[in-house]
PDB file of all heavy atoms in Angstrom:
ATOM      1  N   ALA A   1      -1.333  -7.797 -11.602  1.00  0.00           N
ATOM      2  CA  ALA A   1      -1.298  -8.116 -13.033  1.00  0.00           C
ATOM      3  C   ALA A   1      -1.936  -7.006 -13.864  1.00  0.00           C
ATOM      4  O   ALA A   1      -1.436  -6.643 -14.935  1.00  0.00           O
ATOM      5  CB  ALA A   1      -2.002  -9.444 -13.287  1.00  0.00           C
ATOM      6  N   ALA A   2      -3.041  -6.436 -13.358  1.00  0.00           N
ATOM      7  CA  ALA A   2      -3.739  -5.398 -14.111  1.00  0.00           C
ATOM      8  C   ALA A   2      -2.947  -4.094 -14.175  1.00  0.00           C
ATOM      9  O   ALA A   2      -3.043  -3.344 -15.145  1.00  0.00           O
ATOM     10  CB  ALA A   2      -5.105  -5.136 -13.487  1.00  0.00           C
ATOM     11  N   LEU A   3      -2.155  -3.828 -13.132  1.00  0.00           N
ATOM     12  CA  LEU A   3      -1.443  -2.559 -13.045  1.00  0.00           C
ATOM     13  C   LEU A   3      -0.066  -2.592 -13.722  1.00  0.00           C
ATOM     14  O   LEU A   3       0.640  -1.587 -13.720  1.00  0.00           O
ATOM     15  CB  LEU A   3      -1.279  -2.151 -11.577  1.00  0.00           C
ATOM     16  CG  LEU A   3      -2.587  -1.789 -10.852  1.00  0.00           C
ATOM     17  CD1 LEU A   3      -2.343  -1.615  -9.365  1.00  0.00           C
ATOM     18  CD2 LEU A   3      -3.201  -0.534 -11.450  1.00  0.00           C
ATOM     19  N   HIS A   4       0.322  -3.755 -14.252  1.00  0.00           N
ATOM     20  CA  HIS A   4       1.634  -3.863 -14.896  1.00  0.00           C
ATOM     21  C   HIS A   4       1.492  -4.483 -16.284  1.00  0.00           C
ATOM     22  O   HIS A   4       0.729  -5.440 -16.475  1.00  0.00           O
ATOM     23  CB  HIS A   4       2.585  -4.722 -14.046  1.00  0.00           C
ATOM     24  CG  HIS A   4       2.972  -4.082 -12.758  1.00  0.00           C
ATOM     25  ND1 HIS A   4       2.145  -4.099 -11.653  1.00  0.00           N
ATOM     26  CD2 HIS A   4       4.085  -3.381 -12.391  1.00  0.00           C
ATOM     27  CE1 HIS A   4       2.740  -3.452 -10.656  1.00  0.00           C
ATOM     28  NE2 HIS A   4       3.902  -3.004 -11.077  1.00  0.00           N
ATOM     29  N   ASP A   5       2.221  -3.939 -17.220  1.00  0.00           N
ATOM     30  CA  ASP A   5       2.244  -4.503 -18.567  1.00  0.00           C
ATOM     31  C   ASP A   5       3.075  -5.779 -18.566  1.00  0.00           C
ATOM     32  O   ASP A   5       3.996  -5.937 -17.745  1.00  0.00           O
ATOM     33  CB  ASP A   5       2.852  -3.511 -19.551  1.00  0.00           C
ATOM     34  CG  ASP A   5       1.990  -2.269 -19.714  1.00  0.00           C
ATOM     35  OD1 ASP A   5       0.753  -2.408 -19.616  1.00  0.00           O
ATOM     36  OD2 ASP A   5       2.555  -1.178 -19.921  1.00  0.00           O
ATOM     37  N   PRO A   6       2.785  -6.722 -19.477  1.00  0.00           N
ATOM     38  CA  PRO A   6       3.620  -7.927 -19.582  1.00  0.00           C
ATOM     39  C   PRO A   6       5.084  -7.552 -19.797  1.00  0.00           C
ATOM     40  O   PRO A   6       5.408  -6.707 -20.632  1.00  0.00           O
ATOM     41  CB  PRO A   6       3.037  -8.649 -20.799  1.00  0.00           C
ATOM     42  CG  PRO A   6       1.619  -8.192 -20.854  1.00  0.00           C
ATOM     43  CD  PRO A   6       1.632  -6.768 -20.392  1.00  0.00           C
ATOM     44  N   GLY A   7       5.973  -8.151 -19.005  1.00  0.00           N
ATOM     45  CA  GLY A   7       7.394  -7.862 -19.101  1.00  0.00           C
ATOM     46  C   GLY A   7       7.857  -6.736 -18.209  1.00  0.00           C
ATOM     47  O   GLY A   7       9.065  -6.564 -17.992  1.00  0.00           O
ATOM     48  N   GLU A   8       6.919  -5.955 -17.678  1.00  0.00           N
ATOM     49  CA  GLU A   8       7.286  -4.853 -16.785  1.00  0.00           C
ATOM     50  C   GLU A   8       7.703  -5.414 -15.425  1.00  0.00           C
ATOM     51  O   GLU A   8       7.056  -6.312 -14.882  1.00  0.00           O
ATOM     52  CB  GLU A   8       6.101  -3.896 -16.621  1.00  0.00           C
ATOM     53  CG  GLU A   8       6.407  -2.675 -15.775  1.00  0.00           C
ATOM     54  CD  GLU A   8       5.190  -1.762 -15.639  1.00  0.00           C
ATOM     55  OE1 GLU A   8       4.161  -2.050 -16.289  1.00  0.00           O
ATOM     56  OE2 GLU A   8       5.270  -0.783 -14.873  1.00  0.00           O
ATOM     57  N   ILE A   9       8.774  -4.882 -14.854  1.00  0.00           N
ATOM     58  CA  ILE A   9       9.268  -5.356 -13.561  1.00  0.00           C
ATOM     59  C   ILE A   9       8.330  -4.878 -12.452  1.00  0.00           C
ATOM     60  O   ILE A   9       7.964  -3.701 -12.390  1.00  0.00           O
ATOM     61  CB  ILE A   9      10.700  -4.852 -13.298  1.00  0.00           C
ATOM     62  CG1 ILE A   9      11.656  -5.455 -14.326  1.00  0.00           C
ATOM     63  CG2 ILE A   9      11.146  -5.196 -11.887  1.00  0.00           C
ATOM     64  CD1 ILE A   9      13.075  -4.930 -14.219  1.00  0.00           C
ATOM     65  N   ILE A  10       7.964  -5.796 -11.594  1.00  0.00           N
ATOM     66  CA  ILE A  10       7.089  -5.472 -10.464  1.00  0.00           C
ATOM     67  C   ILE A  10       7.954  -5.238  -9.230  1.00  0.00           C
ATOM     68  O   ILE A  10       8.648  -6.142  -8.762  1.00  0.00           O
ATOM     69  CB  ILE A  10       6.082  -6.608 -10.214  1.00  0.00           C
ATOM     70  CG1 ILE A  10       5.202  -6.818 -11.457  1.00  0.00           C
ATOM     71  CG2 ILE A  10       5.217  -6.303  -8.999  1.00  0.00           C
ATOM     72  CD1 ILE A  10       4.264  -7.995 -11.368  1.00  0.00           C
ATOM     73  N   ALA A  11       7.924  -4.028  -8.730  1.00  0.00           N
ATOM     74  CA  ALA A  11       8.742  -3.674  -7.575  1.00  0.00           C
ATOM     75  C   ALA A  11       7.987  -3.922  -6.284  1.00  0.00           C
ATOM     76  O   ALA A  11       6.742  -4.016  -6.276  1.00  0.00           O
ATOM     77  CB  ALA A  11       9.151  -2.200  -7.657  1.00  0.00           C
ATOM     78  N   LEU A  12       8.728  -4.004  -5.190  1.00  0.00           N
ATOM     79  CA  LEU A  12       8.115  -4.209  -3.879  1.00  0.00           C
ATOM     80  C   LEU A  12       7.157  -3.068  -3.550  1.00  0.00           C
ATOM     81  O   LEU A  12       6.114  -3.280  -2.910  1.00  0.00           O
ATOM     82  CB  LEU A  12       9.205  -4.312  -2.802  1.00  0.00           C
ATOM     83  CG  LEU A  12       8.749  -4.692  -1.386  1.00  0.00           C
ATOM     84  CD1 LEU A  12       8.098  -6.059  -1.369  1.00  0.00           C
ATOM     85  CD2 LEU A  12       9.937  -4.670  -0.426  1.00  0.00           C
ATOM     86  N   THR A  13       7.480  -1.865  -4.014  1.00  0.00           N
ATOM     87  CA  THR A  13       6.627  -0.700  -3.732  1.00  0.00           C
ATOM     88  C   THR A  13       5.276  -0.779  -4.433  1.00  0.00           C
ATOM     89  O   THR A  13       4.368  -0.005  -4.118  1.00  0.00           O
ATOM     90  CB  THR A  13       7.341   0.591  -4.168  1.00  0.00           C
ATOM     91  OG1 THR A  13       7.749   0.459  -5.540  1.00  0.00           O
ATOM     92  CG2 THR A  13       8.557   0.858  -3.298  1.00  0.00           C
ATOM     93  N   ALA A  14       5.131  -1.691  -5.393  1.00  0.00           N
ATOM     94  CA  ALA A  14       3.848  -1.850  -6.077  1.00  0.00           C
ATOM     95  C   ALA A  14       2.818  -2.561  -5.195  1.00  0.00           C
ATOM     96  O   ALA A  14       1.620  -2.514  -5.479  1.00  0.00           O
ATOM     97  CB  ALA A  14       4.032  -2.639  -7.375  1.00  0.00           C
ATOM     98  N   LEU A  15       3.301  -3.230  -4.138  1.00  0.00           N
ATOM     99  CA  LEU A  15       2.382  -3.922  -3.233  1.00  0.00           C
ATOM    100  C   LEU A  15       1.657  -2.919  -2.347  1.00  0.00           C
ATOM    101  O   LEU A  15       2.194  -1.848  -2.043  1.00  0.00           O
ATOM    102  CB  LEU A  15       3.146  -4.917  -2.355  1.00  0.00           C
ATOM    103  CG  LEU A  15       3.861  -6.062  -3.069  1.00  0.00           C
ATOM    104  CD1 LEU A  15       4.591  -6.926  -2.057  1.00  0.00           C
ATOM    105  CD2 LEU A  15       2.885  -6.900  -3.868  1.00  0.00           C
ATOM    106  N   PRO A  16       0.440  -3.238  -1.906  1.00  0.00           N
ATOM    107  CA  PRO A  16      -0.260  -2.349  -0.972  1.00  0.00           C
ATOM    108  C   PRO A  16       0.561  -2.129   0.294  1.00  0.00           C
ATOM    109  O   PRO A  16       1.275  -3.027   0.751  1.00  0.00           O
ATOM    110  CB  PRO A  16      -1.560  -3.119  -0.674  1.00  0.00           C
ATOM    111  CG  PRO A  16      -1.740  -4.055  -1.819  1.00  0.00           C
ATOM    112  CD  PRO A  16      -0.362  -4.430  -2.267  1.00  0.00           C
ATOM    113  N   SER A  17       0.458  -0.930   0.865  1.00  0.00           N
ATOM    114  CA  SER A  17       1.235  -0.611   2.063  1.00  0.00           C
ATOM    115  C   SER A  17       0.893  -1.538   3.219  1.00  0.00           C
ATOM    116  O   SER A  17       1.732  -1.806   4.079  1.00  0.00           O
ATOM    117  CB  SER A  17       0.976   0.839   2.472  1.00  0.00           C
ATOM    118  OG  SER A  17      -0.411   1.053   2.722  1.00  0.00           O
ATOM    119  N   THR A  18      -0.347  -2.046   3.242  1.00  0.00           N
ATOM    120  CA  THR A  18      -0.738  -2.968   4.321  1.00  0.00           C
ATOM    121  C   THR A  18       0.069  -4.256   4.278  1.00  0.00           C
ATOM    122  O   THR A  18       0.201  -4.941   5.295  1.00  0.00           O
ATOM    123  CB  THR A  18      -2.235  -3.308   4.208  1.00  0.00           C
ATOM    124  OG1 THR A  18      -2.513  -3.756   2.872  1.00  0.00           O
ATOM    125  CG2 THR A  18      -3.092  -2.097   4.521  1.00  0.00           C
ATOM    126  N   ILE A  19       0.600  -4.588   3.090  1.00  0.00           N
ATOM    127  CA  ILE A  19       1.431  -5.792   2.961  1.00  0.00           C
ATOM    128  C   ILE A  19       2.900  -5.454   3.163  1.00  0.00           C
ATOM    129  O   ILE A  19       3.624  -6.152   3.870  1.00  0.00           O
ATOM    130  CB  ILE A  19       1.215  -6.445   1.588  1.00  0.00           C
ATOM    131  CG1 ILE A  19      -0.240  -6.931   1.461  1.00  0.00           C
ATOM    132  CG2 ILE A  19       2.179  -7.611   1.363  1.00  0.00           C
ATOM    133  CD1 ILE A  19      -0.584  -7.494   0.107  1.00  0.00           C
ATOM    134  N   VAL A  20       3.338  -4.354   2.572  1.00  0.00           N
ATOM    135  CA  VAL A  20       4.752  -3.971   2.674  1.00  0.00           C
ATOM    136  C   VAL A  20       5.144  -3.687   4.116  1.00  0.00           C
ATOM    137  O   VAL A  20       6.207  -4.087   4.594  1.00  0.00           O
ATOM    138  CB  VAL A  20       5.046  -2.737   1.796  1.00  0.00           C
ATOM    139  CG1 VAL A  20       6.477  -2.261   1.989  1.00  0.00           C
ATOM    140  CG2 VAL A  20       4.799  -3.061   0.328  1.00  0.00           C
ATOM    141  N   ASP A  21       4.239  -3.013   4.860  1.00  0.00           N
ATOM    142  CA  ASP A  21       4.568  -2.584   6.219  1.00  0.00           C
ATOM    143  C   ASP A  21       4.219  -3.615   7.275  1.00  0.00           C
ATOM    144  O   ASP A  21       4.578  -3.447   8.446  1.00  0.00           O
ATOM    145  CB  ASP A  21       3.827  -1.282   6.554  1.00  0.00           C
ATOM    146  CG  ASP A  21       4.217  -0.155   5.602  1.00  0.00           C
ATOM    147  OD1 ASP A  21       5.320  -0.233   5.039  1.00  0.00           O
ATOM    148  OD2 ASP A  21       3.419   0.773   5.429  1.00  0.00           O
ATOM    149  N   ALA A  22       3.504  -4.680   6.896  1.00  0.00           N
ATOM    150  CA  ALA A  22       3.040  -5.643   7.895  1.00  0.00           C
ATOM    151  C   ALA A  22       4.190  -6.528   8.362  1.00  0.00           C
ATOM    152  O   ALA A  22       5.135  -6.809   7.621  1.00  0.00           O
ATOM    153  CB  ALA A  22       1.925  -6.505   7.316  1.00  0.00           C
ATOM    154  N   ALA A  23       4.075  -6.985   9.622  1.00  0.00           N
ATOM    155  CA  ALA A  23       5.052  -7.944  10.146  1.00  0.00           C
ATOM    156  C   ALA A  23       4.831  -9.284   9.472  1.00  0.00           C
ATOM    157  O   ALA A  23       3.697  -9.671   9.195  1.00  0.00           O
ATOM    158  CB  ALA A  23       4.885  -8.087  11.655  1.00  0.00           C
ATOM    159  N   PRO A  24       5.898 -10.030   9.163  1.00  0.00           N
ATOM    160  CA  PRO A  24       5.743 -11.332   8.513  1.00  0.00           C
ATOM    161  C   PRO A  24       4.918 -12.282   9.379  1.00  0.00           C
ATOM    162  O   PRO A  24       4.991 -12.244  10.603  1.00  0.00           O
ATOM    163  CB  PRO A  24       7.178 -11.844   8.366  1.00  0.00           C
ATOM    164  CG  PRO A  24       8.043 -10.630   8.476  1.00  0.00           C
ATOM    165  CD  PRO A  24       7.319  -9.701   9.390  1.00  0.00           C
TER     166      PRO A  24
END
């Protein structure tokens, strides 16, 4: 929330790499 302005699209790449690369 802090890194994105209201209305700005949040992409998957905005997530920490530890979450993006982790196994479900």
